[in-house]
Amino acid sequence: MSLTTAQQQLVDDFALIEDAQERLGAVVDRAKRLPPLPAADRTEQNRVQGCVSQVWVVGELRDGRCFFRCDADGPLVKGLVAFLCEFFSGATSAEIAASTTNPLETLGLMGNLSPTRVNGLGAVRARIRELAGKMT
């Protein structure tokens, strides 16, 4: 499945929820089911700089595609970061580099976030791109 198709499917799934606050709640609930990142991956090297919260993103390459795992110190941040990781997982590094889509914005979730969170999520997207670039 191409990145564009996977992205659209994920966005479409959440867009079925009409209220942006409920969508945000669904993003957080979905992340609660994710296992925590192992302590060995919660290193300074994996920590996203530019986030007020502690956020870790780890990437790996499998069969030419990038996959991302994450964790954060709060449920809302973890939910948003996990959504971004899921959105970009399964793509090639070239697809990630070329993508200008912000799925959180597409779903209308950015307007409900503080400027600090918006900046932090920008740092997460930059980190995902950086990791993808190293996986070529």
C-alpha atoms as a PDB file:
ATOM      1  CA  MET A   1       0.000   0.000   0.000  1.00  0.00           C
ATOM      2  CA  SER A   2       1.398   3.403  -0.929  1.00  0.00           C
ATOM      3  CA  LEU A   3       1.974   6.101   1.661  1.00  0.00           C
ATOM      4  CA  THR A   4      -0.743   8.240   0.131  1.00  0.00           C
ATOM      5  CA  THR A   5      -3.285   5.401   0.311  1.00  0.00           C
ATOM      6  CA  ALA A   6      -2.324   4.453   3.890  1.00  0.00           C
ATOM      7  CA  GLN A   7      -2.405   8.067   4.982  1.00  0.00           C
ATOM      8  CA  GLN A   8      -5.782   8.661   3.426  1.00  0.00           C
ATOM      9  CA  GLN A   9      -7.216   5.526   5.025  1.00  0.00           C
ATOM     10  CA  LEU A  10      -6.000   6.577   8.483  1.00  0.00           C
ATOM     11  CA  VAL A  11      -7.333  10.109   8.048  1.00  0.00           C
ATOM     12  CA  ASP A  12     -10.641   8.781   6.694  1.00  0.00           C
ATOM     13  CA  ASP A  13     -11.031   6.457   9.697  1.00  0.00           C
ATOM     14  CA  PHE A  14     -10.748   9.377  12.120  1.00  0.00           C
ATOM     15  CA  ALA A  15     -12.699  11.807   9.946  1.00  0.00           C
ATOM     16  CA  LEU A  16     -15.783   9.649  10.544  1.00  0.00           C
ATOM     17  CA  ILE A  17     -15.831  11.198  14.020  1.00  0.00           C
ATOM     18  CA  GLU A  18     -17.463  14.555  13.379  1.00  0.00           C
ATOM     19  CA  ASP A  19     -16.403  16.470  16.497  1.00  0.00           C
ATOM     20  CA  ALA A  20     -12.713  17.478  16.644  1.00  0.00           C
ATOM     21  CA  GLN A  21     -12.600  17.024  20.442  1.00  0.00           C
ATOM     22  CA  GLU A  22     -13.972  13.499  20.094  1.00  0.00           C
ATOM     23  CA  ARG A  23     -11.414  12.809  17.350  1.00  0.00           C
ATOM     24  CA  LEU A  24      -8.682  13.938  19.702  1.00  0.00           C
ATOM     25  CA  GLY A  25     -10.074  11.626  22.378  1.00  0.00           C
ATOM     26  CA  ALA A  26     -10.044   8.733  19.909  1.00  0.00           C
ATOM     27  CA  VAL A  27      -6.400   9.435  19.056  1.00  0.00           C
ATOM     28  CA  VAL A  28      -5.502   9.348  22.756  1.00  0.00           C
ATOM     29  CA  ASP A  29      -7.551   6.190  23.406  1.00  0.00           C
ATOM     30  CA  ARG A  30      -5.880   4.409  20.511  1.00  0.00           C
ATOM     31  CA  ALA A  31      -2.421   5.244  21.887  1.00  0.00           C
ATOM     32  CA  LYS A  32      -3.330   3.848  25.318  1.00  0.00           C
ATOM     33  CA  ARG A  33      -3.353   0.386  23.755  1.00  0.00           C
ATOM     34  CA  LEU A  34       0.238   0.715  22.559  1.00  0.00           C
ATOM     35  CA  PRO A  35       2.950  -0.934  24.612  1.00  0.00           C
ATOM     36  CA  PRO A  36       5.382   1.463  26.240  1.00  0.00           C
ATOM     37  CA  LEU A  37       8.748   1.907  24.593  1.00  0.00           C
ATOM     38  CA  PRO A  38      11.309  -0.325  26.334  1.00  0.00           C
ATOM     39  CA  ALA A  39      13.646   1.463  28.740  1.00  0.00           C
ATOM     40  CA  ALA A  40      16.567   0.646  26.433  1.00  0.00           C
ATOM     41  CA  ASP A  41      14.947   2.866  23.759  1.00  0.00           C
ATOM     42  CA  ARG A  42      14.186   5.744  26.120  1.00  0.00           C
ATOM     43  CA  THR A  43      17.599   7.246  25.583  1.00  0.00           C
ATOM     44  CA  GLU A  44      18.710  10.787  25.028  1.00  0.00           C
ATOM     45  CA  GLN A  45      19.642   9.796  21.461  1.00  0.00           C
ATOM     46  CA  ASN A  46      15.999   8.849  20.759  1.00  0.00           C
ATOM     47  CA  ARG A  47      14.518  11.839  22.559  1.00  0.00           C
ATOM     48  CA  VAL A  48      12.913  14.467  20.342  1.00  0.00           C
ATOM     49  CA  GLN A  49      14.516  17.843  20.895  1.00  0.00           C
ATOM     50  CA  GLY A  50      12.124  20.778  20.802  1.00  0.00           C
ATOM     51  CA  CYS A  51       9.348  19.099  22.775  1.00  0.00           C
ATOM     52  CA  VAL A  52       8.470  20.382  26.230  1.00  0.00           C
ATOM     53  CA  SER A  53       7.237  16.897  27.106  1.00  0.00           C
ATOM     54  CA  GLN A  54       9.587  13.973  27.013  1.00  0.00           C
ATOM     55  CA  VAL A  55       9.051  12.253  23.671  1.00  0.00           C
ATOM     56  CA  TRP A  56      11.033   9.400  22.163  1.00  0.00           C
ATOM     57  CA  VAL A  57      10.839   8.221  18.554  1.00  0.00           C
ATOM     58  CA  VAL A  58      12.662   5.156  17.245  1.00  0.00           C
ATOM     59  CA  GLY A  59      12.787   4.142  13.606  1.00  0.00           C
ATOM     60  CA  GLU A  60      13.724   0.969  11.809  1.00  0.00           C
ATOM     61  CA  LEU A  61      13.946  -0.120   8.195  1.00  0.00           C
ATOM     62  CA  ARG A  62      12.215  -3.329   7.115  1.00  0.00           C
ATOM     63  CA  ASP A  63      12.087  -4.436   3.505  1.00  0.00           C
ATOM     64  CA  GLY A  64      12.895  -0.930   2.287  1.00  0.00           C
ATOM     65  CA  ARG A  65      10.158   0.702   4.354  1.00  0.00           C
ATOM     66  CA  CYS A  66      10.419   2.852   7.480  1.00  0.00           C
ATOM     67  CA  PHE A  67       8.578   1.986  10.679  1.00  0.00           C
ATOM     68  CA  PHE A  68       8.372   4.117  13.788  1.00  0.00           C
ATOM     69  CA  ARG A  69       7.662   3.464  17.459  1.00  0.00           C
ATOM     70  CA  CYS A  70       7.285   6.110  20.114  1.00  0.00           C
ATOM     71  CA  ASP A  71       6.460   7.004  23.663  1.00  0.00           C
ATOM     72  CA  ALA A  72       5.819  10.177  25.627  1.00  0.00           C
ATOM     73  CA  ASP A  73       5.339  11.162  29.231  1.00  0.00           C
ATOM     74  CA  GLY A  74       1.699  12.183  28.857  1.00  0.00           C
ATOM     75  CA  PRO A  75      -1.331  10.507  27.264  1.00  0.00           C
ATOM     76  CA  LEU A  76      -2.304  13.387  24.959  1.00  0.00           C
ATOM     77  CA  VAL A  77       1.216  13.848  23.630  1.00  0.00           C
ATOM     78  CA  LYS A  78       1.696  10.095  23.281  1.00  0.00           C
ATOM     79  CA  GLY A  79      -1.543   9.874  21.312  1.00  0.00           C
ATOM     80  CA  LEU A  80      -0.576  12.643  18.913  1.00  0.00           C
ATOM     81  CA  VAL A  81       2.968  11.358  18.429  1.00  0.00           C
ATOM     82  CA  ALA A  82       1.749   7.768  17.977  1.00  0.00           C
ATOM     83  CA  PHE A  83      -0.681   9.005  15.322  1.00  0.00           C
ATOM     84  CA  LEU A  84       2.189  10.651  13.427  1.00  0.00           C
ATOM     85  CA  CYS A  85       4.330   7.516  13.749  1.00  0.00           C
ATOM     86  CA  GLU A  86       1.508   5.337  12.458  1.00  0.00           C
ATOM     87  CA  PHE A  87       0.803   7.791   9.654  1.00  0.00           C
ATOM     88  CA  PHE A  88       4.383   7.599   8.336  1.00  0.00           C
ATOM     89  CA  SER A  89       5.105   3.923   9.126  1.00  0.00           C
ATOM     90  CA  GLY A  90       5.280   1.685   6.092  1.00  0.00           C
ATOM     91  CA  ALA A  91       6.512   4.442   3.788  1.00  0.00           C
ATOM     92  CA  THR A  92       9.835   4.640   2.031  1.00  0.00           C
ATOM     93  CA  SER A  93      12.263   7.323   3.103  1.00  0.00           C
ATOM     94  CA  ALA A  94      11.694   9.070  -0.254  1.00  0.00           C
ATOM     95  CA  GLU A  95       7.916   9.139   0.361  1.00  0.00           C
ATOM     96  CA  ILE A  96       8.445  10.586   3.827  1.00  0.00           C
ATOM     97  CA  ALA A  97      10.866  13.228   2.510  1.00  0.00           C
ATOM     98  CA  ALA A  98       8.383  14.248  -0.188  1.00  0.00           C
ATOM     99  CA  SER A  99       5.327  14.338   2.086  1.00  0.00           C
ATOM    100  CA  THR A 100       4.003  17.744   3.038  1.00  0.00           C
ATOM    101  CA  THR A 101       0.820  16.399   4.598  1.00  0.00           C
ATOM    102  CA  ASN A 102       0.107  17.130   8.231  1.00  0.00           C
ATOM    103  CA  PRO A 103      -2.545  14.592   9.216  1.00  0.00           C
ATOM    104  CA  LEU A 104      -3.287  16.336  12.508  1.00  0.00           C
ATOM    105  CA  GLU A 105      -4.075  19.508  10.608  1.00  0.00           C
ATOM    106  CA  THR A 106      -6.155  17.597   8.052  1.00  0.00           C
ATOM    107  CA  LEU A 107      -8.273  16.229  10.902  1.00  0.00           C
ATOM    108  CA  GLY A 108      -8.687  19.679  12.437  1.00  0.00           C
ATOM    109  CA  LEU A 109      -6.770  18.756  15.585  1.00  0.00           C
ATOM    110  CA  MET A 110      -4.089  21.461  15.469  1.00  0.00           C
ATOM    111  CA  GLY A 111      -6.533  24.241  16.354  1.00  0.00           C
ATOM    112  CA  ASN A 112      -7.227  22.582  19.711  1.00  0.00           C
ATOM    113  CA  LEU A 113      -3.557  22.489  20.714  1.00  0.00           C
ATOM    114  CA  SER A 114      -1.380  25.042  22.459  1.00  0.00           C
ATOM    115  CA  PRO A 115       1.385  26.725  20.434  1.00  0.00           C
ATOM    116  CA  THR A 116       3.925  24.779  22.504  1.00  0.00           C
ATOM    117  CA  ARG A 117       2.343  21.458  21.502  1.00  0.00           C
ATOM    118  CA  VAL A 118       2.119  22.528  17.863  1.00  0.00           C
ATOM    119  CA  ASN A 119       5.841  23.353  17.887  1.00  0.00           C
ATOM    120  CA  GLY A 120       6.651  20.069  19.590  1.00  0.00           C
ATOM    121  CA  LEU A 121       4.694  18.102  16.990  1.00  0.00           C
ATOM    122  CA  GLY A 122       6.631  19.939  14.288  1.00  0.00           C
ATOM    123  CA  ALA A 123       9.804  18.695  15.979  1.00  0.00           C
ATOM    124  CA  VAL A 124       8.397  15.144  15.929  1.00  0.00           C
ATOM    125  CA  ARG A 125       7.691  15.360  12.192  1.00  0.00           C
ATOM    126  CA  ALA A 126      11.227  16.687  11.650  1.00  0.00           C
ATOM    127  CA  ARG A 127      12.624  13.804  13.710  1.00  0.00           C
ATOM    128  CA  ILE A 128      10.653  11.255  11.667  1.00  0.00           C
ATOM    129  CA  ARG A 129      12.064  12.781   8.470  1.00  0.00           C
ATOM    130  CA  GLU A 130      15.558  12.783   9.935  1.00  0.00           C
ATOM    131  CA  LEU A 131      15.327   9.126  10.945  1.00  0.00           C
ATOM    132  CA  ALA A 132      13.876   8.180   7.548  1.00  0.00           C
ATOM    133  CA  GLY A 133      16.756   9.963   5.824  1.00  0.00           C
ATOM    134  CA  LYS A 134      19.252   7.905   7.802  1.00  0.00           C
ATOM    135  CA  MET A 135      17.503   4.660   6.847  1.00  0.00           C
ATOM    136  CA  THR A 136      18.162   4.865   3.120  1.00  0.00           C
END
